[in-house]
Amino acid sequence: MMYDHEKSDPAIVAVKPTNKRYFLATMDENLIKEMKQAGIAIDKSASECLEIAAKERLARREMK
């Protein structure tokens, strides 16, 4: 039996990569749903989808 004070198995606990930082953003709830659905379709998290979209948008901006 596992008690609240016991740690989870480290093999299944998600760990934030060392080169990442948290960024809090407020977005329209429908956009959040679409990001989650897009992530499911490509087997990525909503955060990964948001990062991909931001990188693509910034790359287009730099090309101008």
PDB file of N, CA and C in Angstrom:
ATOM      1  N   MET A   1       0.846  -1.184   0.000  1.00  0.00           N
ATOM      2  CA  MET A   1       0.000   0.000   0.000  1.00  0.00           C
ATOM      3  C   MET A   1       0.890   1.245   0.000  1.00  0.00           C
ATOM      4  N   MET A   2       0.534   2.214  -0.816  1.00  0.00           N
ATOM      5  CA  MET A   2       1.311   3.449  -0.905  1.00  0.00           C
ATOM      6  C   MET A   2       0.614   4.553  -0.129  1.00  0.00           C
ATOM      7  N   TYR A   3       1.358   5.197   0.747  1.00  0.00           N
ATOM      8  CA  TYR A   3       0.814   6.281   1.549  1.00  0.00           C
ATOM      9  C   TYR A   3       1.138   7.621   0.908  1.00  0.00           C
ATOM     10  N   ASP A   4       0.402   8.658   1.291  1.00  0.00           N
ATOM     11  CA  ASP A   4       0.590   9.994   0.727  1.00  0.00           C
ATOM     12  C   ASP A   4       2.027  10.496   0.863  1.00  0.00           C
ATOM     13  N   HIS A   5       2.701  10.130   1.922  1.00  0.00           N
ATOM     14  CA  HIS A   5       4.036  10.654   2.157  1.00  0.00           C
ATOM     15  C   HIS A   5       5.119   9.897   1.389  1.00  0.00           C
ATOM     16  N   GLU A   6       4.766   8.771   0.749  1.00  0.00           N
ATOM     17  CA  GLU A   6       5.736   8.014  -0.026  1.00  0.00           C
ATOM     18  C   GLU A   6       5.891   8.626  -1.411  1.00  0.00           C
ATOM     19  N   LYS A   7       7.107   8.541  -1.934  1.00  0.00           N
ATOM     20  CA  LYS A   7       7.370   9.079  -3.267  1.00  0.00           C
ATOM     21  C   LYS A   7       6.891   8.111  -4.332  1.00  0.00           C
ATOM     22  N   SER A   8       6.532   8.667  -5.482  1.00  0.00           N
ATOM     23  CA  SER A   8       6.135   7.856  -6.629  1.00  0.00           C
ATOM     24  C   SER A   8       7.366   7.218  -7.248  1.00  0.00           C
ATOM     25  N   ASP A   9       7.139   6.235  -8.080  1.00  0.00           N
ATOM     26  CA  ASP A   9       8.216   5.588  -8.817  1.00  0.00           C
ATOM     27  C   ASP A   9       8.861   6.633  -9.720  1.00  0.00           C
ATOM     28  N   PRO A  10      10.168   6.904  -9.582  1.00  0.00           N
ATOM     29  CA  PRO A  10      10.820   7.945 -10.389  1.00  0.00           C
ATOM     30  C   PRO A  10      10.780   7.656 -11.884  1.00  0.00           C
ATOM     31  N   ALA A  11      10.576   6.413 -12.266  1.00  0.00           N
ATOM     32  CA  ALA A  11      10.538   6.073 -13.682  1.00  0.00           C
ATOM     33  C   ALA A  11       9.279   6.602 -14.361  1.00  0.00           C
ATOM     34  N   ILE A  12       8.223   6.889 -13.595  1.00  0.00           N
ATOM     35  CA  ILE A  12       6.981   7.357 -14.200  1.00  0.00           C
ATOM     36  C   ILE A  12       6.644   8.801 -13.859  1.00  0.00           C
ATOM     37  N   VAL A  13       7.483   9.467 -13.128  1.00  0.00           N
ATOM     38  CA  VAL A  13       7.244  10.860 -12.755  1.00  0.00           C
ATOM     39  C   VAL A  13       7.815  11.768 -13.844  1.00  0.00           C
ATOM     40  N   ALA A  14       6.994  12.670 -14.370  1.00  0.00           N
ATOM     41  CA  ALA A  14       7.446  13.601 -15.405  1.00  0.00           C
ATOM     42  C   ALA A  14       8.432  14.591 -14.808  1.00  0.00           C
ATOM     43  N   VAL A  15       9.512  14.824 -15.523  1.00  0.00           N
ATOM     44  CA  VAL A  15      10.545  15.744 -15.067  1.00  0.00           C
ATOM     45  C   VAL A  15      10.701  16.846 -16.105  1.00  0.00           C
ATOM     46  N   LYS A  16      10.717  18.078 -15.631  1.00  0.00           N
ATOM     47  CA  LYS A  16      10.896  19.220 -16.521  1.00  0.00           C
ATOM     48  C   LYS A  16      12.347  19.235 -17.012  1.00  0.00           C
ATOM     49  N   PRO A  17      12.558  19.324 -18.345  1.00  0.00           N
ATOM     50  CA  PRO A  17      13.930  19.402 -18.851  1.00  0.00           C
ATOM     51  C   PRO A  17      14.658  20.599 -18.255  1.00  0.00           C
ATOM     52  N   THR A  18      15.967  20.493 -18.092  1.00  0.00           N
ATOM     53  CA  THR A  18      16.735  21.552 -17.438  1.00  0.00           C
ATOM     54  C   THR A  18      16.794  22.834 -18.257  1.00  0.00           C
ATOM     55  N   ASN A  19      16.587  22.747 -19.569  1.00  0.00           N
ATOM     56  CA  ASN A  19      16.657  23.947 -20.398  1.00  0.00           C
ATOM     57  C   ASN A  19      15.290  24.594 -20.604  1.00  0.00           C
ATOM     58  N   LYS A  20      14.298  24.228 -19.810  1.00  0.00           N
ATOM     59  CA  LYS A  20      12.949  24.764 -19.947  1.00  0.00           C
ATOM     60  C   LYS A  20      12.592  25.593 -18.717  1.00  0.00           C
ATOM     61  N   ARG A  21      11.740  26.590 -18.916  1.00  0.00           N
ATOM     62  CA  ARG A  21      11.220  27.404 -17.811  1.00  0.00           C
ATOM     63  C   ARG A  21       9.719  27.469 -17.947  1.00  0.00           C
ATOM     64  N   TYR A  22       9.043  27.667 -16.841  1.00  0.00           N
ATOM     65  CA  TYR A  22       7.588  27.789 -16.864  1.00  0.00           C
ATOM     66  C   TYR A  22       7.191  29.153 -17.391  1.00  0.00           C
ATOM     67  N   PHE A  23       6.093  29.189 -18.171  1.00  0.00           N
ATOM     68  CA  PHE A  23       5.566  30.423 -18.737  1.00  0.00           C
ATOM     69  C   PHE A  23       4.049  30.344 -18.632  1.00  0.00           C
ATOM     70  N   LEU A  24       3.478  31.187 -17.827  1.00  0.00           N
ATOM     71  CA  LEU A  24       2.031  31.187 -17.623  1.00  0.00           C
ATOM     72  C   LEU A  24       1.384  32.076 -18.675  1.00  0.00           C
ATOM     73  N   ALA A  25       0.414  31.525 -19.385  1.00  0.00           N
ATOM     74  CA  ALA A  25      -0.296  32.283 -20.411  1.00  0.00           C
ATOM     75  C   ALA A  25      -1.794  32.066 -20.243  1.00  0.00           C
ATOM     76  N   THR A  26      -2.556  33.110 -20.446  1.00  0.00           N
ATOM     77  CA  THR A  26      -4.005  33.016 -20.410  1.00  0.00           C
ATOM     78  C   THR A  26      -4.502  33.048 -21.852  1.00  0.00           C
ATOM     79  N   MET A  27      -5.287  32.024 -22.222  1.00  0.00           N
ATOM     80  CA  MET A  27      -5.779  31.929 -23.589  1.00  0.00           C
ATOM     81  C   MET A  27      -7.260  31.579 -23.591  1.00  0.00           C
ATOM     82  N   ASP A  28      -7.894  31.833 -24.707  1.00  0.00           N
ATOM     83  CA  ASP A  28      -9.288  31.490 -24.909  1.00  0.00           C
ATOM     84  C   ASP A  28      -9.462  29.984 -24.691  1.00  0.00           C
ATOM     85  N   GLU A  29     -10.520  29.593 -23.987  1.00  0.00           N
ATOM     86  CA  GLU A  29     -10.709  28.182 -23.656  1.00  0.00           C
ATOM     87  C   GLU A  29     -10.860  27.312 -24.899  1.00  0.00           C
ATOM     88  N   ASN A  30     -11.446  27.838 -25.973  1.00  0.00           N
ATOM     89  CA  ASN A  30     -11.565  27.059 -27.201  1.00  0.00           C
ATOM     90  C   ASN A  30     -10.202  26.835 -27.856  1.00  0.00           C
ATOM     91  N   LEU A  31      -9.330  27.819 -27.763  1.00  0.00           N
ATOM     92  CA  LEU A  31      -7.978  27.670 -28.299  1.00  0.00           C
ATOM     93  C   LEU A  31      -7.213  26.607 -27.509  1.00  0.00           C
ATOM     94  N   ILE A  32      -7.385  26.595 -26.215  1.00  0.00           N
ATOM     95  CA  ILE A  32      -6.737  25.584 -25.378  1.00  0.00           C
ATOM     96  C   ILE A  32      -7.228  24.192 -25.768  1.00  0.00           C
ATOM     97  N   LYS A  33      -8.527  24.052 -25.974  1.00  0.00           N
ATOM     98  CA  LYS A  33      -9.086  22.758 -26.395  1.00  0.00           C
ATOM     99  C   LYS A  33      -8.500  22.331 -27.736  1.00  0.00           C
ATOM    100  N   GLU A  34      -8.393  23.278 -28.674  1.00  0.00           N
ATOM    101  CA  GLU A  34      -7.832  22.962 -29.987  1.00  0.00           C
ATOM    102  C   GLU A  34      -6.368  22.544 -29.881  1.00  0.00           C
ATOM    103  N   MET A  35      -5.607  23.211 -29.005  1.00  0.00           N
ATOM    104  CA  MET A  35      -4.201  22.848 -28.798  1.00  0.00           C
ATOM    105  C   MET A  35      -4.091  21.430 -28.244  1.00  0.00           C
ATOM    106  N   LYS A  36      -4.959  21.101 -27.289  1.00  0.00           N
ATOM    107  CA  LYS A  36      -4.944  19.755 -26.719  1.00  0.00           C
ATOM    108  C   LYS A  36      -5.299  18.713 -27.768  1.00  0.00           C
ATOM    109  N   GLN A  37      -6.308  19.003 -28.598  1.00  0.00           N
ATOM    110  CA  GLN A  37      -6.709  18.063 -29.648  1.00  0.00           C
ATOM    111  C   GLN A  37      -5.607  17.907 -30.692  1.00  0.00           C
ATOM    112  N   ALA A  38      -4.947  19.002 -31.033  1.00  0.00           N
ATOM    113  CA  ALA A  38      -3.832  18.935 -31.981  1.00  0.00           C
ATOM    114  C   ALA A  38      -2.704  18.086 -31.405  1.00  0.00           C
ATOM    115  N   GLY A  39      -2.442  18.242 -30.123  1.00  0.00           N
ATOM    116  CA  GLY A  39      -1.405  17.451 -29.471  1.00  0.00           C
ATOM    117  C   GLY A  39      -1.713  15.966 -29.497  1.00  0.00           C
ATOM    118  N   ILE A  40      -2.964  15.628 -29.238  1.00  0.00           N
ATOM    119  CA  ILE A  40      -3.370  14.227 -29.279  1.00  0.00           C
ATOM    120  C   ILE A  40      -3.144  13.659 -30.676  1.00  0.00           C
ATOM    121  N   ALA A  41      -3.476  14.441 -31.696  1.00  0.00           N
ATOM    122  CA  ALA A  41      -3.347  13.987 -33.084  1.00  0.00           C
ATOM    123  C   ALA A  41      -1.897  13.700 -33.475  1.00  0.00           C
ATOM    124  N   ILE A  42      -0.945  14.436 -32.885  1.00  0.00           N
ATOM    125  CA  ILE A  42       0.470  14.239 -33.247  1.00  0.00           C
ATOM    126  C   ILE A  42       1.284  13.660 -32.101  1.00  0.00           C
ATOM    127  N   ASP A  43       0.595  13.154 -31.084  1.00  0.00           N
ATOM    128  CA  ASP A  43       1.235  12.521 -29.928  1.00  0.00           C
ATOM    129  C   ASP A  43       2.216  13.460 -29.221  1.00  0.00           C
ATOM    130  N   LYS A  44       1.766  14.691 -28.985  1.00  0.00           N
ATOM    131  CA  LYS A  44       2.547  15.706 -28.261  1.00  0.00           C
ATOM    132  C   LYS A  44       1.650  16.320 -27.189  1.00  0.00           C
ATOM    133  N   SER A  45       2.267  16.925 -26.194  1.00  0.00           N
ATOM    134  CA  SER A  45       1.486  17.616 -25.172  1.00  0.00           C
ATOM    135  C   SER A  45       1.043  18.978 -25.701  1.00  0.00           C
ATOM    136  N   ALA A  46       0.068  19.575 -25.044  1.00  0.00           N
ATOM    137  CA  ALA A  46      -0.384  20.914 -25.435  1.00  0.00           C
ATOM    138  C   ALA A  46       0.765  21.910 -25.304  1.00  0.00           C
ATOM    139  N   SER A  47       1.604  21.741 -24.297  1.00  0.00           N
ATOM    140  CA  SER A  47       2.762  22.630 -24.122  1.00  0.00           C
ATOM    141  C   SER A  47       3.724  22.509 -25.291  1.00  0.00           C
ATOM    142  N   GLU A  48       3.953  21.268 -25.747  1.00  0.00           N
ATOM    143  CA  GLU A  48       4.841  21.068 -26.892  1.00  0.00           C
ATOM    144  C   GLU A  48       4.249  21.700 -28.146  1.00  0.00           C
ATOM    145  N   CYS A  49       2.935  21.573 -28.340  1.00  0.00           N
ATOM    146  CA  CYS A  49       2.267  22.192 -29.490  1.00  0.00           C
ATOM    147  C   CYS A  49       2.401  23.706 -29.443  1.00  0.00           C
ATOM    148  N   LEU A  50       2.227  24.272 -28.270  1.00  0.00           N
ATOM    149  CA  LEU A  50       2.343  25.718 -28.111  1.00  0.00           C
ATOM    150  C   LEU A  50       3.771  26.179 -28.420  1.00  0.00           C
ATOM    151  N   GLU A  51       4.756  25.419 -27.958  1.00  0.00           N
ATOM    152  CA  GLU A  51       6.152  25.761 -28.227  1.00  0.00           C
ATOM    153  C   GLU A  51       6.460  25.685 -29.727  1.00  0.00           C
ATOM    154  N   ILE A  52       5.969  24.643 -30.391  1.00  0.00           N
ATOM    155  CA  ILE A  52       6.163  24.496 -31.838  1.00  0.00           C
ATOM    156  C   ILE A  52       5.536  25.674 -32.578  1.00  0.00           C
ATOM    157  N   ALA A  53       4.298  26.016 -32.212  1.00  0.00           N
ATOM    158  CA  ALA A  53       3.594  27.119 -32.868  1.00  0.00           C
ATOM    159  C   ALA A  53       4.324  28.444 -32.656  1.00  0.00           C
ATOM    160  N   ALA A  54       4.817  28.669 -31.460  1.00  0.00           N
ATOM    161  CA  ALA A  54       5.536  29.916 -31.168  1.00  0.00           C
ATOM    162  C   ALA A  54       6.823  30.002 -31.985  1.00  0.00           C
ATOM    163  N   LYS A  55       7.560  28.894 -32.062  1.00  0.00           N
ATOM    164  CA  LYS A  55       8.802  28.884 -32.840  1.00  0.00           C
ATOM    165  C   LYS A  55       8.528  29.138 -34.317  1.00  0.00           C
ATOM    166  N   GLU A  56       7.471  28.504 -34.853  1.00  0.00           N
ATOM    167  CA  GLU A  56       7.128  28.704 -36.263  1.00  0.00           C
ATOM    168  C   GLU A  56       6.724  30.144 -36.527  1.00  0.00           C
ATOM    169  N   ARG A  57       5.952  30.725 -35.630  1.00  0.00           N
ATOM    170  CA  ARG A  57       5.509  32.122 -35.795  1.00  0.00           C
ATOM    171  C   ARG A  57       6.692  33.080 -35.734  1.00  0.00           C
ATOM    172  N   LEU A  58       7.594  32.858 -34.796  1.00  0.00           N
ATOM    173  CA  LEU A  58       8.768  33.730 -34.691  1.00  0.00           C
ATOM    174  C   LEU A  58       9.679  33.572 -35.899  1.00  0.00           C
ATOM    175  N   ALA A  59       9.799  32.371 -36.436  1.00  0.00           N
ATOM    176  CA  ALA A  59      10.615  32.158 -37.621  1.00  0.00           C
ATOM    177  C   ALA A  59      10.038  32.913 -38.823  1.00  0.00           C
ATOM    178  N   ARG A  60       8.713  32.898 -38.957  1.00  0.00           N
ATOM    179  CA  ARG A  60       8.071  33.650 -40.057  1.00  0.00           C
ATOM    180  C   ARG A  60       8.291  35.141 -39.892  1.00  0.00           C
ATOM    181  N   ARG A  61       8.252  35.628 -38.652  1.00  0.00           N
ATOM    182  CA  ARG A  61       8.443  37.055 -38.388  1.00  0.00           C
ATOM    183  C   ARG A  61       9.870  37.479 -38.766  1.00  0.00           C
ATOM    184  N   GLU A  62      10.835  36.626 -38.476  1.00  0.00           N
ATOM    185  CA  GLU A  62      12.234  36.951 -38.770  1.00  0.00           C
ATOM    186  C   GLU A  62      12.525  36.958 -40.260  1.00  0.00           C
ATOM    187  N   MET A  63      11.713  36.226 -41.038  1.00  0.00           N
ATOM    188  CA  MET A  63      11.936  36.148 -42.487  1.00  0.00           C
ATOM    189  C   MET A  63      11.537  37.425 -43.205  1.00  0.00           C
ATOM    190  N   LYS A  64      10.722  38.259 -42.598  1.00  0.00           N
ATOM    191  CA  LYS A  64      10.241  39.493 -43.249  1.00  0.00           C
ATOM    192  C   LYS A  64      11.336  40.530 -43.357  1.00  0.00           C
TER     193      LYS A  64
END
